[in-house]
Amino acid sequence: MADILVVKVNMFCKTKELNDIRRCVLSQKESGVVVLPPYCEAVVIPDDIEIRIEDISGKVVKGENL
């Protein structure tokens, strides 16, 4: 379906802060792992992305491919 990640920021941010979030996501993309801050929400997720949640011990709580 999609080949783009769309992130919604659920708080008021200045342009500089939004650019910082964008740069952070782009740099994380290079490493292969993107971790969004709690005030961000993935609205559109590429088909080949795995969404995984781990608890503090590293145990996978939920995993699914979308």
PDB file of N, CA and C in Angstrom:
ATOM      1  N   MET A   1       0.830  -1.189   0.000  1.00  0.00           N
ATOM      2  CA  MET A   1       0.000   0.000   0.000  1.00  0.00           C
ATOM      3  C   MET A   1       0.869   1.244   0.000  1.00  0.00           C
ATOM      4  N   ALA A   2       1.571   1.528   1.078  1.00  0.00           N
ATOM      5  CA  ALA A   2       2.319   2.775   1.185  1.00  0.00           C
ATOM      6  C   ALA A   2       3.817   2.501   1.181  1.00  0.00           C
ATOM      7  N   ASP A   3       4.573   3.449   0.679  1.00  0.00           N
ATOM      8  CA  ASP A   3       6.024   3.345   0.761  1.00  0.00           C
ATOM      9  C   ASP A   3       6.602   4.567   1.472  1.00  0.00           C
ATOM     10  N   ILE A   4       5.773   5.162   2.323  1.00  0.00           N
ATOM     11  CA  ILE A   4       6.174   6.356   3.062  1.00  0.00           C
ATOM     12  C   ILE A   4       5.696   6.241   4.502  1.00  0.00           C
ATOM     13  N   LEU A   5       6.500   6.746   5.425  1.00  0.00           N
ATOM     14  CA  LEU A   5       6.113   6.795   6.826  1.00  0.00           C
ATOM     15  C   LEU A   5       5.584   8.188   7.115  1.00  0.00           C
ATOM     16  N   VAL A   6       4.343   8.273   7.566  1.00  0.00           N
ATOM     17  CA  VAL A   6       3.732   9.556   7.927  1.00  0.00           C
ATOM     18  C   VAL A   6       3.594   9.573   9.441  1.00  0.00           C
ATOM     19  N   VAL A   7       4.188  10.593  10.063  1.00  0.00           N
ATOM     20  CA  VAL A   7       4.190  10.713  11.512  1.00  0.00           C
ATOM     21  C   VAL A   7       3.391  11.940  11.918  1.00  0.00           C
ATOM     22  N   LYS A   8       2.465  11.753  12.844  1.00  0.00           N
ATOM     23  CA  LYS A   8       1.666  12.849  13.384  1.00  0.00           C
ATOM     24  C   LYS A   8       2.240  13.223  14.752  1.00  0.00           C
ATOM     25  N   VAL A   9       2.514  14.511  14.936  1.00  0.00           N
ATOM     26  CA  VAL A   9       3.035  14.999  16.215  1.00  0.00           C
ATOM     27  C   VAL A   9       1.849  15.539  17.011  1.00  0.00           C
ATOM     28  N   ASN A  10       1.589  14.968  18.170  1.00  0.00           N
ATOM     29  CA  ASN A  10       0.416  15.303  18.976  1.00  0.00           C
ATOM     30  C   ASN A  10       0.715  16.356  20.038  1.00  0.00           C
ATOM     31  N   MET A  11       1.437  17.388  19.646  1.00  0.00           N
ATOM     32  CA  MET A  11       1.687  18.512  20.534  1.00  0.00           C
ATOM     33  C   MET A  11       2.095  19.710  19.683  1.00  0.00           C
ATOM     34  N   PHE A  12       2.006  20.883  20.246  1.00  0.00           N
ATOM     35  CA  PHE A  12       2.418  22.075  19.534  1.00  0.00           C
ATOM     36  C   PHE A  12       3.934  22.156  19.538  1.00  0.00           C
ATOM     37  N   CYS A  13       4.521  22.350  18.362  1.00  0.00           N
ATOM     38  CA  CYS A  13       5.973  22.447  18.229  1.00  0.00           C
ATOM     39  C   CYS A  13       6.322  23.643  17.350  1.00  0.00           C
ATOM     40  N   LYS A  14       7.462  24.216  17.649  1.00  0.00           N
ATOM     41  CA  LYS A  14       7.999  25.242  16.774  1.00  0.00           C
ATOM     42  C   LYS A  14       8.613  24.552  15.563  1.00  0.00           C
ATOM     43  N   THR A  15       8.829  25.311  14.502  1.00  0.00           N
ATOM     44  CA  THR A  15       9.403  24.763  13.279  1.00  0.00           C
ATOM     45  C   THR A  15      10.742  24.076  13.554  1.00  0.00           C
ATOM     46  N   LYS A  16      11.569  24.665  14.394  1.00  0.00           N
ATOM     47  CA  LYS A  16      12.866  24.073  14.724  1.00  0.00           C
ATOM     48  C   LYS A  16      12.691  22.708  15.379  1.00  0.00           C
ATOM     49  N   GLU A  17      11.721  22.598  16.289  1.00  0.00           N
ATOM     50  CA  GLU A  17      11.478  21.319  16.963  1.00  0.00           C
ATOM     51  C   GLU A  17      10.998  20.260  15.985  1.00  0.00           C
ATOM     52  N   LEU A  18      10.120  20.648  15.042  1.00  0.00           N
ATOM     53  CA  LEU A  18       9.654  19.703  14.027  1.00  0.00           C
ATOM     54  C   LEU A  18      10.811  19.246  13.143  1.00  0.00           C
ATOM     55  N   ASN A  19      11.689  20.173  12.787  1.00  0.00           N
ATOM     56  CA  ASN A  19      12.859  19.810  11.989  1.00  0.00           C
ATOM     57  C   ASN A  19      13.781  18.872  12.758  1.00  0.00           C
ATOM     58  N   ASP A  20      13.910  19.079  14.068  1.00  0.00           N
ATOM     59  CA  ASP A  20      14.722  18.186  14.904  1.00  0.00           C
ATOM     60  C   ASP A  20      14.140  16.773  14.911  1.00  0.00           C
ATOM     61  N   ILE A  21      12.824  16.679  15.025  1.00  0.00           N
ATOM     62  CA  ILE A  21      12.157  15.362  14.997  1.00  0.00           C
ATOM     63  C   ILE A  21      12.394  14.695  13.647  1.00  0.00           C
ATOM     64  N   ARG A  22      12.254  15.466  12.574  1.00  0.00           N
ATOM     65  CA  ARG A  22      12.467  14.935  11.222  1.00  0.00           C
ATOM     66  C   ARG A  22      13.894  14.420  11.060  1.00  0.00           C
ATOM     67  N   ARG A  23      14.873  15.202  11.487  1.00  0.00           N
ATOM     68  CA  ARG A  23      16.273  14.783  11.384  1.00  0.00           C
ATOM     69  C   ARG A  23      16.531  13.524  12.209  1.00  0.00           C
ATOM     70  N   CYS A  24      15.923  13.455  13.367  1.00  0.00           N
ATOM     71  CA  CYS A  24      16.087  12.284  14.233  1.00  0.00           C
ATOM     72  C   CYS A  24      15.525  11.029  13.561  1.00  0.00           C
ATOM     73  N   VAL A  25      14.345  11.123  12.969  1.00  0.00           N
ATOM     74  CA  VAL A  25      13.728   9.982  12.284  1.00  0.00           C
ATOM     75  C   VAL A  25      14.587   9.571  11.090  1.00  0.00           C
ATOM     76  N   LEU A  26      15.068  10.545  10.318  1.00  0.00           N
ATOM     77  CA  LEU A  26      15.897  10.222   9.155  1.00  0.00           C
ATOM     78  C   LEU A  26      17.202   9.537   9.566  1.00  0.00           C
ATOM     79  N   SER A  27      17.829   9.996  10.637  1.00  0.00           N
ATOM     80  CA  SER A  27      19.075   9.357  11.073  1.00  0.00           C
ATOM     81  C   SER A  27      18.813   7.957  11.610  1.00  0.00           C
ATOM     82  N   GLN A  28      17.682   7.759  12.296  1.00  0.00           N
ATOM     83  CA  GLN A  28      17.338   6.433  12.794  1.00  0.00           C
ATOM     84  C   GLN A  28      17.034   5.489  11.639  1.00  0.00           C
ATOM     85  N   LYS A  29      16.435   6.008  10.586  1.00  0.00           N
ATOM     86  CA  LYS A  29      16.106   5.201   9.406  1.00  0.00           C
ATOM     87  C   LYS A  29      17.367   4.565   8.830  1.00  0.00           C
ATOM     88  N   GLU A  30      18.466   5.302   8.847  1.00  0.00           N
ATOM     89  CA  GLU A  30      19.728   4.787   8.330  1.00  0.00           C
ATOM     90  C   GLU A  30      20.202   3.561   9.109  1.00  0.00           C
ATOM     91  N   SER A  31      19.915   3.523  10.412  1.00  0.00           N
ATOM     92  CA  SER A  31      20.332   2.384  11.230  1.00  0.00           C
ATOM     93  C   SER A  31      19.350   1.216  11.130  1.00  0.00           C
ATOM     94  N   GLY A  32      18.163   1.479  10.587  1.00  0.00           N
ATOM     95  CA  GLY A  32      17.171   0.425  10.421  1.00  0.00           C
ATOM     96  C   GLY A  32      16.147   0.335  11.533  1.00  0.00           C
ATOM     97  N   VAL A  33      16.272   1.173  12.554  1.00  0.00           N
ATOM     98  CA  VAL A  33      15.326   1.157  13.673  1.00  0.00           C
ATOM     99  C   VAL A  33      14.871   2.586  13.929  1.00  0.00           C
ATOM    100  N   VAL A  34      13.563   2.812  13.892  1.00  0.00           N
ATOM    101  CA  VAL A  34      13.001   4.137  14.177  1.00  0.00           C
ATOM    102  C   VAL A  34      12.179   4.039  15.452  1.00  0.00           C
ATOM    103  N   VAL A  35      12.540   4.848  16.435  1.00  0.00           N
ATOM    104  CA  VAL A  35      11.816   4.902  17.700  1.00  0.00           C
ATOM    105  C   VAL A  35      11.184   6.279  17.796  1.00  0.00           C
ATOM    106  N   LEU A  36       9.853   6.311  17.827  1.00  0.00           N
ATOM    107  CA  LEU A  36       9.142   7.592  17.901  1.00  0.00           C
ATOM    108  C   LEU A  36       8.956   8.020  19.350  1.00  0.00           C
ATOM    109  N   PRO A  37       9.043   9.326  19.600  1.00  0.00           N
ATOM    110  CA  PRO A  37       8.751   9.821  20.949  1.00  0.00           C
ATOM    111  C   PRO A  37       7.287   9.540  21.309  1.00  0.00           C
ATOM    112  N   PRO A  38       6.957   9.530  22.586  1.00  0.00           N
ATOM    113  CA  PRO A  38       5.585   9.214  23.002  1.00  0.00           C
ATOM    114  C   PRO A  38       4.537  10.177  22.463  1.00  0.00           C
ATOM    115  N   TYR A  39       4.915  11.376  22.102  1.00  0.00           N
ATOM    116  CA  TYR A  39       3.959  12.358  21.584  1.00  0.00           C
ATOM    117  C   TYR A  39       3.797  12.273  20.069  1.00  0.00           C
ATOM    118  N   CYS A  40       4.417  11.272  19.451  1.00  0.00           N
ATOM    119  CA  CYS A  40       4.285  11.062  18.008  1.00  0.00           C
ATOM    120  C   CYS A  40       3.505   9.789  17.731  1.00  0.00           C
ATOM    121  N   GLU A  41       2.855   9.768  16.587  1.00  0.00           N
ATOM    122  CA  GLU A  41       2.008   8.642  16.201  1.00  0.00           C
ATOM    123  C   GLU A  41       2.252   8.338  14.733  1.00  0.00           C
ATOM    124  N   ALA A  42       2.521   7.076  14.406  1.00  0.00           N
ATOM    125  CA  ALA A  42       2.680   6.669  13.016  1.00  0.00           C
ATOM    126  C   ALA A  42       1.291   6.535  12.403  1.00  0.00           C
ATOM    127  N   VAL A  43       0.999   7.365  11.402  1.00  0.00           N
ATOM    128  CA  VAL A  43      -0.320   7.378  10.774  1.00  0.00           C
ATOM    129  C   VAL A  43      -0.346   6.451   9.557  1.00  0.00           C
ATOM    130  N   VAL A  44       0.678   6.531   8.721  1.00  0.00           N
ATOM    131  CA  VAL A  44       0.821   5.658   7.559  1.00  0.00           C
ATOM    132  C   VAL A  44       2.172   4.966   7.696  1.00  0.00           C
ATOM    133  N   ILE A  45       2.162   3.641   7.568  1.00  0.00           N
ATOM    134  CA  ILE A  45       3.373   2.851   7.762  1.00  0.00           C
ATOM    135  C   ILE A  45       3.637   2.035   6.500  1.00  0.00           C
ATOM    136  N   PRO A  46       4.877   2.060   6.001  1.00  0.00           N
ATOM    137  CA  PRO A  46       5.198   1.257   4.815  1.00  0.00           C
ATOM    138  C   PRO A  46       4.898  -0.225   5.039  1.00  0.00           C
ATOM    139  N   ASP A  47       4.562  -0.924   3.951  1.00  0.00           N
ATOM    140  CA  ASP A  47       4.177  -2.332   4.036  1.00  0.00           C
ATOM    141  C   ASP A  47       5.278  -3.226   4.580  1.00  0.00           C
ATOM    142  N   ASP A  48       6.536  -2.898   4.317  1.00  0.00           N
ATOM    143  CA  ASP A  48       7.632  -3.773   4.695  1.00  0.00           C
ATOM    144  C   ASP A  48       8.221  -3.464   6.070  1.00  0.00           C
ATOM    145  N   ILE A  49       7.518  -2.707   6.875  1.00  0.00           N
ATOM    146  CA  ILE A  49       7.987  -2.325   8.202  1.00  0.00           C
ATOM    147  C   ILE A  49       7.387  -3.255   9.258  1.00  0.00           C
ATOM    148  N   GLU A  50       8.232  -3.742  10.150  1.00  0.00           N
ATOM    149  CA  GLU A  50       7.768  -4.557  11.265  1.00  0.00           C
ATOM    150  C   GLU A  50       7.586  -3.646  12.477  1.00  0.00           C
ATOM    151  N   ILE A  51       6.448  -3.749  13.126  1.00  0.00           N
ATOM    152  CA  ILE A  51       6.189  -2.993  14.350  1.00  0.00           C
ATOM    153  C   ILE A  51       6.363  -3.957  15.509  1.00  0.00           C
ATOM    154  N   ARG A  52       7.256  -3.582  16.421  1.00  0.00           N
ATOM    155  CA  ARG A  52       7.560  -4.472  17.535  1.00  0.00           C
ATOM    156  C   ARG A  52       7.665  -3.663  18.810  1.00  0.00           C
ATOM    157  N   ILE A  53       7.102  -4.206  19.878  1.00  0.00           N
ATOM    158  CA  ILE A  53       7.162  -3.572  21.187  1.00  0.00           C
ATOM    159  C   ILE A  53       7.840  -4.542  22.139  1.00  0.00           C
ATOM    160  N   GLU A  54       8.841  -4.041  22.865  1.00  0.00           N
ATOM    161  CA  GLU A  54       9.550  -4.867  23.834  1.00  0.00           C
ATOM    162  C   GLU A  54       9.410  -4.256  25.216  1.00  0.00           C
ATOM    163  N   ASP A  55       9.356  -5.131  26.237  1.00  0.00           N
ATOM    164  CA  ASP A  55       9.348  -4.611  27.596  1.00  0.00           C
ATOM    165  C   ASP A  55      10.779  -4.315  28.026  1.00  0.00           C
ATOM    166  N   ILE A  56      10.953  -3.886  29.236  1.00  0.00           N
ATOM    167  CA  ILE A  56      12.266  -3.456  29.707  1.00  0.00           C
ATOM    168  C   ILE A  56      13.304  -4.583  29.689  1.00  0.00           C
ATOM    169  N   SER A  57      12.863  -5.823  29.789  1.00  0.00           N
ATOM    170  CA  SER A  57      13.787  -6.955  29.772  1.00  0.00           C
ATOM    171  C   SER A  57      14.160  -7.386  28.353  1.00  0.00           C
ATOM    172  N   GLY A  58      13.501  -6.799  27.354  1.00  0.00           N
ATOM    173  CA  GLY A  58      13.769  -7.164  25.971  1.00  0.00           C
ATOM    174  C   GLY A  58      12.813  -8.193  25.407  1.00  0.00           C
ATOM    175  N   LYS A  59      11.879  -8.649  26.234  1.00  0.00           N
ATOM    176  CA  LYS A  59      10.879  -9.625  25.784  1.00  0.00           C
ATOM    177  C   LYS A  59       9.892  -8.932  24.857  1.00  0.00           C
ATOM    178  N   VAL A  60       9.616  -9.567  23.697  1.00  0.00           N
ATOM    179  CA  VAL A  60       8.666  -8.985  22.747  1.00  0.00           C
ATOM    180  C   VAL A  60       7.266  -9.113  23.311  1.00  0.00           C
ATOM    181  N   VAL A  61       6.588  -7.979  23.450  1.00  0.00           N
ATOM    182  CA  VAL A  61       5.227  -7.947  23.964  1.00  0.00           C
ATOM    183  C   VAL A  61       4.250  -8.160  22.828  1.00  0.00           C
ATOM    184  N   LYS A  62       4.537  -7.546  21.681  1.00  0.00           N
ATOM    185  CA  LYS A  62       3.636  -7.653  20.542  1.00  0.00           C
ATOM    186  C   LYS A  62       4.472  -7.498  19.290  1.00  0.00           C
ATOM    187  N   GLY A  63       4.209  -8.293  18.291  1.00  0.00           N
ATOM    188  CA  GLY A  63       4.923  -8.155  17.017  1.00  0.00           C
ATOM    189  C   GLY A  63       4.020  -8.506  15.867  1.00  0.00           C
ATOM    190  N   GLU A  64       4.041  -7.691  14.852  1.00  0.00           N
ATOM    191  CA  GLU A  64       3.224  -7.970  13.681  1.00  0.00           C
ATOM    192  C   GLU A  64       3.777  -7.200  12.488  1.00  0.00           C
ATOM    193  N   ASN A  65       3.600  -7.756  11.315  1.00  0.00           N
ATOM    194  CA  ASN A  65       3.968  -7.062  10.085  1.00  0.00           C
ATOM    195  C   ASN A  65       2.723  -6.417   9.516  1.00  0.00           C
ATOM    196  N   LEU A  66       2.816  -5.167   9.170  1.00  0.00           N
ATOM    197  CA  LEU A  66       1.683  -4.465   8.576  1.00  0.00           C
ATOM    198  C   LEU A  66       1.913  -4.284   7.104  1.00  0.00           C
TER     199      LEU A  66
END
